[in-house]
PDB file of N, CA and C in Angstrom:
ATOM      1  N   UNK A   1     107.023 142.725  86.371  1.00  0.00           N
ATOM      2  CA  UNK A   1     107.246 142.589  85.141  1.00  0.00           C
ATOM      3  C   UNK A   1     107.471 141.202  84.829  1.00  0.00           C
ATOM      4  N   UNK A   2     108.485 140.599  85.388  1.00  0.00           N
ATOM      5  CA  UNK A   2     109.451 139.330  85.050  1.00  0.00           C
ATOM      6  C   UNK A   2     108.135 138.168  85.740  1.00  0.00           C
ATOM      7  N   UNK A   3     107.549 138.460  86.714  1.00  0.00           N
ATOM      8  CA  UNK A   3     106.634 137.558  87.390  1.00  0.00           C
ATOM      9  C   UNK A   3     105.364 137.220  86.381  1.00  0.00           C
ATOM     10  N   UNK A   4     105.066 138.370  85.467  1.00  0.00           N
ATOM     11  CA  UNK A   4     103.838 138.461  84.885  1.00  0.00           C
ATOM     12  C   UNK A   4     104.233 137.878  83.448  1.00  0.00           C
ATOM     13  N   UNK A   5     105.336 137.833  82.763  1.00  0.00           N
ATOM     14  CA  UNK A   5     105.831 137.080  81.906  1.00  0.00           C
ATOM     15  C   UNK A   5     105.812 135.587  82.597  1.00  0.00           C
ATOM     16  N   UNK A   6     106.212 135.158  83.347  1.00  0.00           N
ATOM     17  CA  UNK A   6     106.040 133.519  83.811  1.00  0.00           C
ATOM     18  C   UNK A   6     104.579 133.232  83.913  1.00  0.00           C
ATOM     19  N   UNK A   7     103.900 133.928  84.517  1.00  0.00           N
ATOM     20  CA  UNK A   7     102.314 133.634  84.732  1.00  0.00           C
ATOM     21  C   UNK A   7     101.672 133.620  83.155  1.00  0.00           C
ATOM     22  N   UNK A   8     101.907 134.329  82.155  1.00  0.00           N
ATOM     23  CA  UNK A   8     101.679 134.278  80.857  1.00  0.00           C
ATOM     24  C   UNK A   8     102.305 132.909  80.072  1.00  0.00           C
ATOM     25  N   UNK A   9     103.163 132.785  80.570  1.00  0.00           N
ATOM     26  CA  UNK A   9     103.862 131.412  79.664  1.00  0.00           C
ATOM     27  C   UNK A   9     103.185 130.148  80.681  1.00  0.00           C
ATOM     28  N   UNK A  10     102.909 130.355  81.576  1.00  0.00           N
ATOM     29  CA  UNK A  10     102.228 129.202  82.257  1.00  0.00           C
ATOM     30  C   UNK A  10     101.184 129.015  81.909  1.00  0.00           C
ATOM     31  N   UNK A  11     100.278 129.940  81.744  1.00  0.00           N
ATOM     32  CA  UNK A  11      99.039 130.295  81.008  1.00  0.00           C
ATOM     33  C   UNK A  11      98.961 129.438  79.902  1.00  0.00           C
ATOM     34  N   UNK A  12      99.700 129.851  79.073  1.00  0.00           N
ATOM     35  CA  UNK A  12      99.677 129.531  77.443  1.00  0.00           C
ATOM     36  C   UNK A  12     100.003 127.861  77.599  1.00  0.00           C
ATOM     37  N   UNK A  13     101.274 127.334  78.713  1.00  0.00           N
ATOM     38  CA  UNK A  13     101.434 126.032  78.803  1.00  0.00           C
ATOM     39  C   UNK A  13     100.328 125.214  79.036  1.00  0.00           C
ATOM     40  N   UNK A  14      99.517 125.741  79.997  1.00  0.00           N
ATOM     41  CA  UNK A  14      98.220 125.019  80.475  1.00  0.00           C
ATOM     42  C   UNK A  14      97.276 124.697  79.540  1.00  0.00           C
ATOM     43  N   UNK A  15      96.946 125.900  78.652  1.00  0.00           N
ATOM     44  CA  UNK A  15      96.137 126.064  77.604  1.00  0.00           C
ATOM     45  C   UNK A  15      96.572 124.929  76.464  1.00  0.00           C
ATOM     46  N   UNK A  16      97.809 124.785  76.263  1.00  0.00           N
ATOM     47  CA  UNK A  16      98.482 123.996  75.191  1.00  0.00           C
ATOM     48  C   UNK A  16      97.982 122.328  75.864  1.00  0.00           C
ATOM     49  N   UNK A  17      98.573 122.512  77.174  1.00  0.00           N
ATOM     50  CA  UNK A  17      98.267 120.981  77.533  1.00  0.00           C
ATOM     51  C   UNK A  17      96.840 120.392  77.893  1.00  0.00           C
ATOM     52  N   UNK A  18      95.771 121.516  77.922  1.00  0.00           N
ATOM     53  CA  UNK A  18      94.527 121.119  77.861  1.00  0.00           C
ATOM     54  C   UNK A  18      93.811 120.831  76.232  1.00  0.00           C
ATOM     55  N   UNK A  19      94.719 121.523  75.703  1.00  0.00           N
ATOM     56  CA  UNK A  19      94.273 121.367  74.368  1.00  0.00           C
ATOM     57  C   UNK A  19      94.696 119.659  73.733  1.00  0.00           C
ATOM     58  N   UNK A  20      95.886 119.353  74.132  1.00  0.00           N
ATOM     59  CA  UNK A  20      96.455 118.119  73.796  1.00  0.00           C
ATOM     60  C   UNK A  20      95.587 116.977  74.504  1.00  0.00           C
ATOM     61  N   UNK A  21      95.369 117.287  75.825  1.00  0.00           N
ATOM     62  CA  UNK A  21      94.429 116.174  76.501  1.00  0.00           C
ATOM     63  C   UNK A  21      93.203 116.031  75.799  1.00  0.00           C
ATOM     64  N   UNK A  22      92.672 117.000  75.275  1.00  0.00           N
ATOM     65  CA  UNK A  22      91.291 117.051  74.600  1.00  0.00           C
ATOM     66  C   UNK A  22      91.354 116.168  73.315  1.00  0.00           C
ATOM     67  N   UNK A  23      92.686 116.536  72.809  1.00  0.00           N
ATOM     68  CA  UNK A  23      92.664 115.999  71.342  1.00  0.00           C
ATOM     69  C   UNK A  23      92.842 114.399  71.638  1.00  0.00           C
ATOM     70  N   UNK A  24      93.615 113.963  72.682  1.00  0.00           N
ATOM     71  CA  UNK A  24      93.950 112.522  72.957  1.00  0.00           C
ATOM     72  C   UNK A  24      92.646 111.813  73.432  1.00  0.00           C
ATOM     73  N   UNK A  25      91.551 112.603  74.329  1.00  0.00           N
ATOM     74  CA  UNK A  25      90.627 111.914  74.607  1.00  0.00           C
ATOM     75  C   UNK A  25      89.578 111.500  73.298  1.00  0.00           C
ATOM     76  N   UNK A  26      89.722 112.596  72.490  1.00  0.00           N
ATOM     77  CA  UNK A  26      88.956 112.443  71.254  1.00  0.00           C
ATOM     78  C   UNK A  26      89.319 111.270  70.454  1.00  0.00           C
ATOM     79  N   UNK A  27      90.609 111.432  70.348  1.00  0.00           N
ATOM     80  CA  UNK A  27      91.310 110.012  69.522  1.00  0.00           C
ATOM     81  C   UNK A  27      90.962 108.794  70.231  1.00  0.00           C
ATOM     82  N   UNK A  28      91.003 108.724  71.801  1.00  0.00           N
ATOM     83  CA  UNK A  28      90.880 107.527  72.599  1.00  0.00           C
ATOM     84  C   UNK A  28      89.408 107.094  72.190  1.00  0.00           C
ATOM     85  N   UNK A  29      88.322 107.964  72.154  1.00  0.00           N
ATOM     86  CA  UNK A  29      86.907 107.729  72.069  1.00  0.00           C
ATOM     87  C   UNK A  29      86.885 107.060  70.535  1.00  0.00           C
ATOM     88  N   UNK A  30      87.410 107.667  69.373  1.00  0.00           N
ATOM     89  CA  UNK A  30      87.291 107.205  68.042  1.00  0.00           C
ATOM     90  C   UNK A  30      87.750 105.627  67.955  1.00  0.00           C
ATOM     91  N   UNK A  31      89.053 105.318  68.775  1.00  0.00           N
ATOM     92  CA  UNK A  31      89.482 104.269  68.581  1.00  0.00           C
ATOM     93  C   UNK A  31      88.843 103.140  69.406  1.00  0.00           C
ATOM     94  N   UNK A  32      88.103 103.757  70.545  1.00  0.00           N
ATOM     95  CA  UNK A  32      87.388 102.479  71.036  1.00  0.00           C
ATOM     96  C   UNK A  32      86.165 102.103  70.479  1.00  0.00           C
ATOM     97  N   UNK A  33      85.525 102.956  69.962  1.00  0.00           N
ATOM     98  CA  UNK A  33      84.354 102.639  69.396  1.00  0.00           C
ATOM     99  C   UNK A  33      84.394 102.392  67.580  1.00  0.00           C
ATOM    100  N   UNK A  34      85.763 102.321  67.440  1.00  0.00           N
ATOM    101  CA  UNK A  34      85.732 101.907  65.836  1.00  0.00           C
ATOM    102  C   UNK A  34      85.292 100.536  65.519  1.00  0.00           C
ATOM    103  N   UNK A  35      85.296  99.652  66.261  1.00  0.00           N
ATOM    104  CA  UNK A  35      84.873  98.256  65.991  1.00  0.00           C
ATOM    105  C   UNK A  35      83.312  98.208  65.675  1.00  0.00           C
ATOM    106  N   UNK A  36      82.899  98.993  66.593  1.00  0.00           N
ATOM    107  CA  UNK A  36      81.025  99.170  66.792  1.00  0.00           C
ATOM    108  C   UNK A  36      80.770  99.732  65.598  1.00  0.00           C
ATOM    109  N   UNK A  37      81.276 101.003  65.071  1.00  0.00           N
ATOM    110  CA  UNK A  37      80.767 101.914  63.952  1.00  0.00           C
ATOM    111  C   UNK A  37      81.204 100.984  62.763  1.00  0.00           C
ATOM    112  N   UNK A  38      82.198 100.029  62.534  1.00  0.00           N
ATOM    113  CA  UNK A  38      82.339  99.441  61.567  1.00  0.00           C
ATOM    114  C   UNK A  38      81.114  98.108  61.270  1.00  0.00           C
ATOM    115  N   UNK A  39      80.796  97.648  62.384  1.00  0.00           N
ATOM    116  CA  UNK A  39      79.985  96.439  62.710  1.00  0.00           C
ATOM    117  C   UNK A  39      78.520  97.202  62.151  1.00  0.00           C
ATOM    118  N   UNK A  40      78.188  98.481  62.555  1.00  0.00           N
ATOM    119  CA  UNK A  40      76.839  99.189  62.199  1.00  0.00           C
ATOM    120  C   UNK A  40      76.736  99.425  60.970  1.00  0.00           C
ATOM    121  N   UNK A  41      78.130  99.683  60.196  1.00  0.00           N
ATOM    122  CA  UNK A  41      77.925 100.156  59.095  1.00  0.00           C
ATOM    123  C   UNK A  41      77.765  99.097  58.166  1.00  0.00           C
ATOM    124  N   UNK A  42      78.517  97.843  58.451  1.00  0.00           N
ATOM    125  CA  UNK A  42      78.182  96.414  57.802  1.00  0.00           C
ATOM    126  C   UNK A  42      77.153  96.092  57.729  1.00  0.00           C
ATOM    127  N   UNK A  43      76.332  96.127  59.158  1.00  0.00           N
ATOM    128  CA  UNK A  43      75.088  95.632  59.260  1.00  0.00           C
ATOM    129  C   UNK A  43      74.001  96.298  58.245  1.00  0.00           C
ATOM    130  N   UNK A  44      74.065  97.917  58.324  1.00  0.00           N
ATOM    131  CA  UNK A  44      73.242  98.815  57.420  1.00  0.00           C
ATOM    132  C   UNK A  44      73.733  98.340  55.783  1.00  0.00           C
ATOM    133  N   UNK A  45      74.842  97.878  55.457  1.00  0.00           N
ATOM    134  CA  UNK A  45      75.224  97.851  53.972  1.00  0.00           C
ATOM    135  C   UNK A  45      74.510  96.378  53.861  1.00  0.00           C
ATOM    136  N   UNK A  46      74.334  95.306  54.839  1.00  0.00           N
ATOM    137  CA  UNK A  46      73.511  93.907  54.754  1.00  0.00           C
ATOM    138  C   UNK A  46      72.220  93.935  54.423  1.00  0.00           C
ATOM    139  N   UNK A  47      71.532  95.124  55.001  1.00  0.00           N
ATOM    140  CA  UNK A  47      70.145  95.299  55.229  1.00  0.00           C
ATOM    141  C   UNK A  47      70.043  95.827  53.911  1.00  0.00           C
ATOM    142  N   UNK A  48      70.759  96.690  53.058  1.00  0.00           N
ATOM    143  CA  UNK A  48      70.361  97.460  51.792  1.00  0.00           C
ATOM    144  C   UNK A  48      70.361  96.273  50.764  1.00  0.00           C
ATOM    145  N   UNK A  49      71.427  95.332  50.983  1.00  0.00           N
ATOM    146  CA  UNK A  49      71.510  94.098  49.659  1.00  0.00           C
ATOM    147  C   UNK A  49      70.272  93.247  49.962  1.00  0.00           C
ATOM    148  N   UNK A  50      69.819  93.197  51.311  1.00  0.00           N
ATOM    149  CA  UNK A  50      68.603  92.438  51.460  1.00  0.00           C
ATOM    150  C   UNK A  50      67.378  93.016  51.113  1.00  0.00           C
ATOM    151  N   UNK A  51      67.301  94.429  51.205  1.00  0.00           N
ATOM    152  CA  UNK A  51      66.313  94.997  50.460  1.00  0.00           C
ATOM    153  C   UNK A  51      66.189  94.995  48.707  1.00  0.00           C
ATOM    154  N   UNK A  52      67.467  94.909  48.619  1.00  0.00           N
ATOM    155  CA  UNK A  52      67.738  94.866  46.920  1.00  0.00           C
ATOM    156  C   UNK A  52      67.129  93.481  46.764  1.00  0.00           C
ATOM    157  N   UNK A  53      67.432  92.616  47.087  1.00  0.00           N
ATOM    158  CA  UNK A  53      67.100  90.977  46.804  1.00  0.00           C
ATOM    159  C   UNK A  53      65.669  90.983  47.058  1.00  0.00           C
ATOM    160  N   UNK A  54      65.355  91.323  47.945  1.00  0.00           N
ATOM    161  CA  UNK A  54      63.634  91.148  48.343  1.00  0.00           C
ATOM    162  C   UNK A  54      62.875  91.808  47.194  1.00  0.00           C
ATOM    163  N   UNK A  55      63.447  93.151  46.863  1.00  0.00           N
ATOM    164  CA  UNK A  55      62.603  93.826  45.660  1.00  0.00           C
ATOM    165  C   UNK A  55      62.578  93.089  44.494  1.00  0.00           C
ATOM    166  N   UNK A  56      63.888  92.501  44.177  1.00  0.00           N
ATOM    167  CA  UNK A  56      64.177  91.921  43.118  1.00  0.00           C
ATOM    168  C   UNK A  56      63.181  90.433  43.000  1.00  0.00           C
ATOM    169  N   UNK A  57      62.716  89.870  44.087  1.00  0.00           N
ATOM    170  CA  UNK A  57      62.163  88.842  44.006  1.00  0.00           C
ATOM    171  C   UNK A  57      60.685  89.218  44.000  1.00  0.00           C
ATOM    172  N   UNK A  58      60.312  90.695  44.319  1.00  0.00           N
ATOM    173  CA  UNK A  58      58.858  90.992  44.144  1.00  0.00           C
ATOM    174  C   UNK A  58      58.181  91.041  45.659  1.00  0.00           C
ATOM    175  N   UNK A  59      58.849  90.482  46.356  1.00  0.00           N
ATOM    176  CA  UNK A  59      58.376  90.725  47.711  1.00  0.00           C
ATOM    177  C   UNK A  59      58.505  92.058  48.656  1.00  0.00           C
ATOM    178  N   UNK A  60      57.265  92.110  49.046  1.00  0.00           N
ATOM    179  CA  UNK A  60      57.386  93.677  49.953  1.00  0.00           C
ATOM    180  C   UNK A  60      58.248  93.405  50.938  1.00  0.00           C
ATOM    181  N   UNK A  61      59.132  94.592  51.230  1.00  0.00           N
ATOM    182  CA  UNK A  61      60.244  94.266  52.382  1.00  0.00           C
ATOM    183  C   UNK A  61      59.797  95.490  53.333  1.00  0.00           C
ATOM    184  N   UNK A  62      59.590  95.090  54.734  1.00  0.00           N
ATOM    185  CA  UNK A  62      59.524  95.843  55.897  1.00  0.00           C
ATOM    186  C   UNK A  62      60.401  95.358  57.128  1.00  0.00           C
ATOM    187  N   UNK A  63      61.104  96.468  57.892  1.00  0.00           N
ATOM    188  CA  UNK A  63      61.856  95.718  58.687  1.00  0.00           C
ATOM    189  C   UNK A  63      61.401  96.513  60.231  1.00  0.00           C
ATOM    190  N   UNK A  64      61.667  96.162  61.153  1.00  0.00           N
ATOM    191  CA  UNK A  64      61.704  96.740  62.261  1.00  0.00           C
ATOM    192  C   UNK A  64      62.663  95.807  63.451  1.00  0.00           C
ATOM    193  N   UNK A  65      63.354  96.867  64.111  1.00  0.00           N
ATOM    194  CA  UNK A  65      64.258  96.338  64.944  1.00  0.00           C
ATOM    195  C   UNK A  65      64.079  96.213  66.329  1.00  0.00           C
ATOM    196  N   UNK A  66      64.151  94.988  67.048  1.00  0.00           N
ATOM    197  CA  UNK A  66      63.905  94.630  68.424  1.00  0.00           C
ATOM    198  C   UNK A  66      64.633  95.435  69.000  1.00  0.00           C
ATOM    199  N   UNK A  67      64.644  95.551  70.823  1.00  0.00           N
ATOM    200  CA  UNK A  67      65.480  96.406  71.278  1.00  0.00           C
ATOM    201  C   UNK A  67      66.864  95.747  71.176  1.00  0.00           C
ATOM    202  N   UNK A  68      67.089  94.493  70.790  1.00  0.00           N
ATOM    203  CA  UNK A  68      68.333  93.592  70.837  1.00  0.00           C
ATOM    204  C   UNK A  68      69.177  94.317  69.454  1.00  0.00           C
ATOM    205  N   UNK A  69      68.430  94.798  68.553  1.00  0.00           N
ATOM    206  CA  UNK A  69      68.761  95.368  67.389  1.00  0.00           C
ATOM    207  C   UNK A  69      68.932  94.107  66.209  1.00  0.00           C
ATOM    208  N   UNK A  70      67.985  92.907  66.702  1.00  0.00           N
ATOM    209  CA  UNK A  70      67.663  91.944  65.442  1.00  0.00           C
ATOM    210  C   UNK A  70      66.757  92.449  64.350  1.00  0.00           C
ATOM    211  N   UNK A  71      67.052  92.339  62.994  1.00  0.00           N
ATOM    212  CA  UNK A  71      65.956  92.718  62.238  1.00  0.00           C
ATOM    213  C   UNK A  71      65.047  91.657  62.045  1.00  0.00           C
ATOM    214  N   UNK A  72      63.622  92.154  62.048  1.00  0.00           N
ATOM    215  CA  UNK A  72      62.810  91.063  62.016  1.00  0.00           C
ATOM    216  C   UNK A  72      62.128  91.335  60.323  1.00  0.00           C
ATOM    217  N   UNK A  73      62.075  90.536  59.363  1.00  0.00           N
ATOM    218  CA  UNK A  73      61.501  90.481  58.332  1.00  0.00           C
ATOM    219  C   UNK A  73      60.144  89.976  57.976  1.00  0.00           C
ATOM    220  N   UNK A  74      59.231  90.811  57.298  1.00  0.00           N
ATOM    221  CA  UNK A  74      57.763  90.588  57.017  1.00  0.00           C
ATOM    222  C   UNK A  74      57.363  90.632  55.979  1.00  0.00           C
ATOM    223  N   UNK A  75      56.524  89.802  55.232  1.00  0.00           N
ATOM    224  CA  UNK A  75      55.849  89.788  53.984  1.00  0.00           C
ATOM    225  C   UNK A  75      54.634  90.942  54.336  1.00  0.00           C
ATOM    226  N   UNK A  76      54.437  91.953  53.548  1.00  0.00           N
ATOM    227  CA  UNK A  76      53.393  92.674  53.747  1.00  0.00           C
ATOM    228  C   UNK A  76      52.345  92.539  52.649  1.00  0.00           C
TER     229      UNK A  76
END
């Protein structure tokens, strides 16, 4: 009976440790990609401002992105 309690305690400790490891991995991924996510959001905001400005100027606005992610503006 005592051995059963020890095994249950070890199982609970393993589960808690695995959960903590999973949480730490998630936090690591979020921190690692935070700069990239911020840059993408800034680019999207800049694109939105450009679209508004082009619309205000009466110019048709259309973008396409190359494989390098560089926006190309065309008058249509």
